[in-house]
Structure formats: structure tokens, C-alpha cells
Amino acid sequence: MPTPTDINKELQKRIDQYISKTLKDIKVEAADEFDANFNRQAFFNEKLAIDEKKLCY
């Protein structure tokens, strides 16, 4: 029978793998979106419209 320590180590290993895979997926999606912004010319081509009345300081 596995000891509680062994179970905790296995659980931590699975959590670490899940977090690692999730962060990798986010990185890939963010990079794809970043590249798509250049194809759409979504960067630096127009001044950002800011409604100063809605800003909170």
C-alpha cells in the first residue's frame, strides 16, 4: 500500500505537469494571437481611443 508521502509526491507531480501543460498551451495561443495581430495590422496603426471620463485613478 502506498504511503501518504508517496501519494502526495504523485499528486504534486500530476499538478506540476498540468500547470506546465496549461502554461505551454497559453504561450502557444498568445504567440499565435500576437502573430495574427501583425497580419491584421492591429498594432501601432491608429491612436488608441481612450475615454478619459471612464478612467479610474
PDB file of N, CA and C in Angstrom:
ATOM      1  N   MET A   1       0.845  -1.187   0.000  1.00  0.00           N
ATOM      2  CA  MET A   1       0.000   0.000   0.000  1.00  0.00           C
ATOM      3  C   MET A   1       0.888   1.247   0.000  1.00  0.00           C
ATOM      4  N   PRO A   2       0.573   2.223  -0.893  1.00  0.00           N
ATOM      5  CA  PRO A   2       1.407   3.436  -0.945  1.00  0.00           C
ATOM      6  C   PRO A   2       1.254   4.253   0.342  1.00  0.00           C
ATOM      7  N   THR A   3       2.337   4.864   0.710  1.00  0.00           N
ATOM      8  CA  THR A   3       2.308   5.719   1.896  1.00  0.00           C
ATOM      9  C   THR A   3       1.734   7.083   1.519  1.00  0.00           C
ATOM     10  N   PRO A   4       1.241   7.823   2.529  1.00  0.00           N
ATOM     11  CA  PRO A   4       0.732   9.179   2.236  1.00  0.00           C
ATOM     12  C   PRO A   4       1.774  10.069   1.555  1.00  0.00           C
ATOM     13  N   THR A   5       3.034   9.885   1.906  1.00  0.00           N
ATOM     14  CA  THR A   5       4.091  10.678   1.280  1.00  0.00           C
ATOM     15  C   THR A   5       4.192  10.366  -0.206  1.00  0.00           C
ATOM     16  N   ASP A   6       4.100   9.075  -0.555  1.00  0.00           N
ATOM     17  CA  ASP A   6       4.149   8.676  -1.968  1.00  0.00           C
ATOM     18  C   ASP A   6       2.958   9.245  -2.732  1.00  0.00           C
ATOM     19  N   ILE A   7       1.807   9.219  -2.109  1.00  0.00           N
ATOM     20  CA  ILE A   7       0.597   9.746  -2.742  1.00  0.00           C
ATOM     21  C   ILE A   7       0.735  11.247  -2.955  1.00  0.00           C
ATOM     22  N   ASN A   8       1.251  11.953  -1.951  1.00  0.00           N
ATOM     23  CA  ASN A   8       1.444  13.400  -2.077  1.00  0.00           C
ATOM     24  C   ASN A   8       2.436  13.740  -3.181  1.00  0.00           C
ATOM     25  N   LYS A   9       3.509  12.958  -3.268  1.00  0.00           N
ATOM     26  CA  LYS A   9       4.507  13.199  -4.323  1.00  0.00           C
ATOM     27  C   LYS A   9       3.896  12.993  -5.704  1.00  0.00           C
ATOM     28  N   GLU A  10       3.103  11.923  -5.842  1.00  0.00           N
ATOM     29  CA  GLU A  10       2.459  11.646  -7.134  1.00  0.00           C
ATOM     30  C   GLU A  10       1.456  12.739  -7.484  1.00  0.00           C
ATOM     31  N   LEU A  11       0.680  13.169  -6.496  1.00  0.00           N
ATOM     32  CA  LEU A  11      -0.290  14.239  -6.723  1.00  0.00           C
ATOM     33  C   LEU A  11       0.417  15.529  -7.122  1.00  0.00           C
ATOM     34  N   GLN A  12       1.501  15.866  -6.425  1.00  0.00           N
ATOM     35  CA  GLN A  12       2.255  17.074  -6.758  1.00  0.00           C
ATOM     36  C   GLN A  12       2.844  16.978  -8.159  1.00  0.00           C
ATOM     37  N   LYS A  13       3.325  15.795  -8.533  1.00  0.00           N
ATOM     38  CA  LYS A  13       3.866  15.590  -9.876  1.00  0.00           C
ATOM     39  C   LYS A  13       2.789  15.830 -10.928  1.00  0.00           C
ATOM     40  N   ARG A  14       1.596  15.308 -10.709  1.00  0.00           N
ATOM     41  CA  ARG A  14       0.499  15.497 -11.669  1.00  0.00           C
ATOM     42  C   ARG A  14       0.065  16.959 -11.744  1.00  0.00           C
ATOM     43  N   ILE A  15       0.025  17.621 -10.593  1.00  0.00           N
ATOM     44  CA  ILE A  15      -0.333  19.048 -10.580  1.00  0.00           C
ATOM     45  C   ILE A  15       0.705  19.854 -11.353  1.00  0.00           C
ATOM     46  N   ASP A  16       1.971  19.568 -11.116  1.00  0.00           N
ATOM     47  CA  ASP A  16       3.043  20.282 -11.822  1.00  0.00           C
ATOM     48  C   ASP A  16       2.961  20.057 -13.333  1.00  0.00           C
ATOM     49  N   GLN A  17       2.664  18.822 -13.743  1.00  0.00           N
ATOM     50  CA  GLN A  17       2.520  18.524 -15.171  1.00  0.00           C
ATOM     51  C   GLN A  17       1.327  19.276 -15.759  1.00  0.00           C
ATOM     52  N   TYR A  18       0.223  19.306 -15.037  1.00  0.00           N
ATOM     53  CA  TYR A  18      -0.968  20.006 -15.505  1.00  0.00           C
ATOM     54  C   TYR A  18      -0.685  21.497 -15.678  1.00  0.00           C
ATOM     55  N   ILE A  19      -0.041  22.089 -14.693  1.00  0.00           N
ATOM     56  CA  ILE A  19       0.280  23.516 -14.772  1.00  0.00           C
ATOM     57  C   ILE A  19       1.236  23.783 -15.930  1.00  0.00           C
ATOM     58  N   SER A  20       2.232  22.934 -16.078  1.00  0.00           N
ATOM     59  CA  SER A  20       3.200  23.103 -17.163  1.00  0.00           C
ATOM     60  C   SER A  20       2.531  23.027 -18.530  1.00  0.00           C
ATOM     61  N   LYS A  21       1.673  22.034 -18.716  1.00  0.00           N
ATOM     62  CA  LYS A  21       0.974  21.889 -19.998  1.00  0.00           C
ATOM     63  C   LYS A  21       0.022  23.049 -20.248  1.00  0.00           C
ATOM     64  N   THR A  22      -0.649  23.511 -19.203  1.00  0.00           N
ATOM     65  CA  THR A  22      -1.571  24.641 -19.347  1.00  0.00           C
ATOM     66  C   THR A  22      -0.820  25.904 -19.746  1.00  0.00           C
ATOM     67  N   LEU A  23       0.298  26.172 -19.077  1.00  0.00           N
ATOM     68  CA  LEU A  23       1.091  27.355 -19.413  1.00  0.00           C
ATOM     69  C   LEU A  23       1.656  27.271 -20.826  1.00  0.00           C
ATOM     70  N   LYS A  24       2.040  26.072 -21.248  1.00  0.00           N
ATOM     71  CA  LYS A  24       2.542  25.898 -22.620  1.00  0.00           C
ATOM     72  C   LYS A  24       1.431  26.199 -23.627  1.00  0.00           C
ATOM     73  N   ASP A  25       0.218  25.719 -23.360  1.00  0.00           N
ATOM     74  CA  ASP A  25      -0.916  25.991 -24.253  1.00  0.00           C
ATOM     75  C   ASP A  25      -1.201  27.491 -24.321  1.00  0.00           C
ATOM     76  N   ILE A  26      -1.157  28.159 -23.181  1.00  0.00           N
ATOM     77  CA  ILE A  26      -1.396  29.608 -23.148  1.00  0.00           C
ATOM     78  C   ILE A  26      -0.316  30.329 -23.945  1.00  0.00           C
ATOM     79  N   LYS A  27       0.925  29.902 -23.792  1.00  0.00           N
ATOM     80  CA  LYS A  27       2.034  30.528 -24.521  1.00  0.00           C
ATOM     81  C   LYS A  27       1.836  30.391 -26.027  1.00  0.00           C
ATOM     82  N   VAL A  28       1.457  29.203 -26.469  1.00  0.00           N
ATOM     83  CA  VAL A  28       1.242  28.963 -27.898  1.00  0.00           C
ATOM     84  C   VAL A  28       0.089  29.826 -28.417  1.00  0.00           C
ATOM     85  N   GLU A  29      -1.011  29.860 -27.687  1.00  0.00           N
ATOM     86  CA  GLU A  29      -2.166  30.658 -28.113  1.00  0.00           C
ATOM     87  C   GLU A  29      -1.827  32.145 -28.143  1.00  0.00           C
ATOM     88  N   ALA A  30      -1.106  32.621 -27.149  1.00  0.00           N
ATOM     89  CA  ALA A  30      -0.729  34.033 -27.106  1.00  0.00           C
ATOM     90  C   ALA A  30       0.195  34.386 -28.268  1.00  0.00           C
ATOM     91  N   ALA A  31       1.135  33.505 -28.564  1.00  0.00           N
ATOM     92  CA  ALA A  31       2.049  33.753 -29.682  1.00  0.00           C
ATOM     93  C   ALA A  31       1.285  33.766 -31.004  1.00  0.00           C
ATOM     94  N   ASP A  32       0.344  32.853 -31.160  1.00  0.00           N
ATOM     95  CA  ASP A  32      -0.470  32.831 -32.383  1.00  0.00           C
ATOM     96  C   ASP A  32      -1.282  34.113 -32.526  1.00  0.00           C
ATOM     97  N   GLU A  33      -1.863  34.559 -31.433  1.00  0.00           N
ATOM     98  CA  GLU A  33      -2.661  35.791 -31.474  1.00  0.00           C
ATOM     99  C   GLU A  33      -1.774  36.996 -31.753  1.00  0.00           C
ATOM    100  N   PHE A  34      -0.599  37.021 -31.169  1.00  0.00           N
ATOM    101  CA  PHE A  34       0.347  38.110 -31.403  1.00  0.00           C
ATOM    102  C   PHE A  34       0.716  38.180 -32.884  1.00  0.00           C
ATOM    103  N   ASP A  35       1.011  37.013 -33.471  1.00  0.00           N
ATOM    104  CA  ASP A  35       1.335  36.968 -34.900  1.00  0.00           C
ATOM    105  C   ASP A  35       0.145  37.404 -35.752  1.00  0.00           C
ATOM    106  N   ALA A  36      -1.050  36.991 -35.359  1.00  0.00           N
ATOM    107  CA  ALA A  36      -2.246  37.360 -36.112  1.00  0.00           C
ATOM    108  C   ALA A  36      -2.474  38.867 -36.070  1.00  0.00           C
ATOM    109  N   ASN A  37      -2.095  39.523 -34.987  1.00  0.00           N
ATOM    110  CA  ASN A  37      -2.242  40.979 -34.897  1.00  0.00           C
ATOM    111  C   ASN A  37      -1.419  41.676 -35.972  1.00  0.00           C
ATOM    112  N   PHE A  38      -0.254  41.160 -36.283  1.00  0.00           N
ATOM    113  CA  PHE A  38       0.547  41.764 -37.341  1.00  0.00           C
ATOM    114  C   PHE A  38      -0.105  41.538 -38.705  1.00  0.00           C
ATOM    115  N   ASN A  39      -0.677  40.372 -38.905  1.00  0.00           N
ATOM    116  CA  ASN A  39      -1.377  40.123 -40.168  1.00  0.00           C
ATOM    117  C   ASN A  39      -2.587  41.034 -40.318  1.00  0.00           C
ATOM    118  N   ARG A  40      -3.243  41.354 -39.226  1.00  0.00           N
ATOM    119  CA  ARG A  40      -4.406  42.263 -39.250  1.00  0.00           C
ATOM    120  C   ARG A  40      -3.979  43.719 -39.170  1.00  0.00           C
ATOM    121  N   GLN A  41      -2.675  43.937 -39.017  1.00  0.00           N
ATOM    122  CA  GLN A  41      -2.118  45.279 -38.820  1.00  0.00           C
ATOM    123  C   GLN A  41      -2.815  45.967 -37.654  1.00  0.00           C
ATOM    124  N   ALA A  42      -2.899  45.240 -36.556  1.00  0.00           N
ATOM    125  CA  ALA A  42      -3.615  45.743 -35.385  1.00  0.00           C
ATOM    126  C   ALA A  42      -2.722  46.513 -34.421  1.00  0.00           C
ATOM    127  N   PHE A  43      -1.441  46.619 -34.730  1.00  0.00           N
ATOM    128  CA  PHE A  43      -0.534  47.336 -33.845  1.00  0.00           C
ATOM    129  C   PHE A  43      -0.094  48.649 -34.470  1.00  0.00           C
ATOM    130  N   PHE A  44      -0.130  49.698 -33.670  1.00  0.00           N
ATOM    131  CA  PHE A  44       0.534  50.962 -33.970  1.00  0.00           C
ATOM    132  C   PHE A  44       0.055  51.678 -35.230  1.00  0.00           C
ATOM    133  N   ASN A  45      -1.066  51.262 -35.789  1.00  0.00           N
ATOM    134  CA  ASN A  45      -1.509  51.948 -36.992  1.00  0.00           C
ATOM    135  C   ASN A  45      -2.541  53.030 -36.702  1.00  0.00           C
ATOM    136  N   GLU A  46      -3.127  53.014 -35.516  1.00  0.00           N
ATOM    137  CA  GLU A  46      -4.073  54.049 -35.118  1.00  0.00           C
ATOM    138  C   GLU A  46      -3.855  54.400 -33.668  1.00  0.00           C
ATOM    139  N   LYS A  47      -4.141  55.652 -33.358  1.00  0.00           N
ATOM    140  CA  LYS A  47      -4.050  56.085 -31.978  1.00  0.00           C
ATOM    141  C   LYS A  47      -5.165  55.410 -31.179  1.00  0.00           C
ATOM    142  N   LEU A  48      -4.827  54.954 -29.994  1.00  0.00           N
ATOM    143  CA  LEU A  48      -5.804  54.315 -29.127  1.00  0.00           C
ATOM    144  C   LEU A  48      -6.811  55.344 -28.633  1.00  0.00           C
ATOM    145  N   ALA A  49      -8.083  55.064 -28.846  1.00  0.00           N
ATOM    146  CA  ALA A  49      -9.137  55.964 -28.378  1.00  0.00           C
ATOM    147  C   ALA A  49      -9.409  55.667 -26.908  1.00  0.00           C
ATOM    148  N   ILE A  50      -9.158  56.647 -26.059  1.00  0.00           N
ATOM    149  CA  ILE A  50      -9.363  56.481 -24.623  1.00  0.00           C
ATOM    150  C   ILE A  50     -10.416  57.471 -24.166  1.00  0.00           C
ATOM    151  N   ASP A  51     -11.420  56.944 -23.498  1.00  0.00           N
ATOM    152  CA  ASP A  51     -12.444  57.798 -22.920  1.00  0.00           C
ATOM    153  C   ASP A  51     -11.977  58.180 -21.517  1.00  0.00           C
ATOM    154  N   GLU A  52     -11.463  59.398 -21.370  1.00  0.00           N
ATOM    155  CA  GLU A  52     -10.894  59.833 -20.110  1.00  0.00           C
ATOM    156  C   GLU A  52     -11.927  59.890 -18.994  1.00  0.00           C
ATOM    157  N   LYS A  53     -13.198  60.005 -19.339  1.00  0.00           N
ATOM    158  CA  LYS A  53     -14.247  60.043 -18.323  1.00  0.00           C
ATOM    159  C   LYS A  53     -14.403  58.692 -17.627  1.00  0.00           C
ATOM    160  N   LYS A  54     -14.011  57.615 -18.306  1.00  0.00           N
ATOM    161  CA  LYS A  54     -14.162  56.282 -17.737  1.00  0.00           C
ATOM    162  C   LYS A  54     -12.920  55.792 -17.011  1.00  0.00           C
ATOM    163  N   LEU A  55     -11.837  56.551 -17.071  1.00  0.00           N
ATOM    164  CA  LEU A  55     -10.613  56.142 -16.397  1.00  0.00           C
ATOM    165  C   LEU A  55     -10.749  56.335 -14.897  1.00  0.00           C
ATOM    166  N   CYS A  56     -10.234  55.381 -14.169  1.00  0.00           N
ATOM    167  CA  CYS A  56     -10.233  55.476 -12.702  1.00  0.00           C
ATOM    168  C   CYS A  56      -8.795  55.558 -12.236  1.00  0.00           C
ATOM    169  N   TYR A  57      -8.517  56.505 -11.418  1.00  0.00           N
ATOM    170  CA  TYR A  57      -7.156  56.651 -10.867  1.00  0.00           C
ATOM    171  C   TYR A  57      -7.160  56.383  -9.400  1.00  0.00           C
TER     172      TYR A  57
END
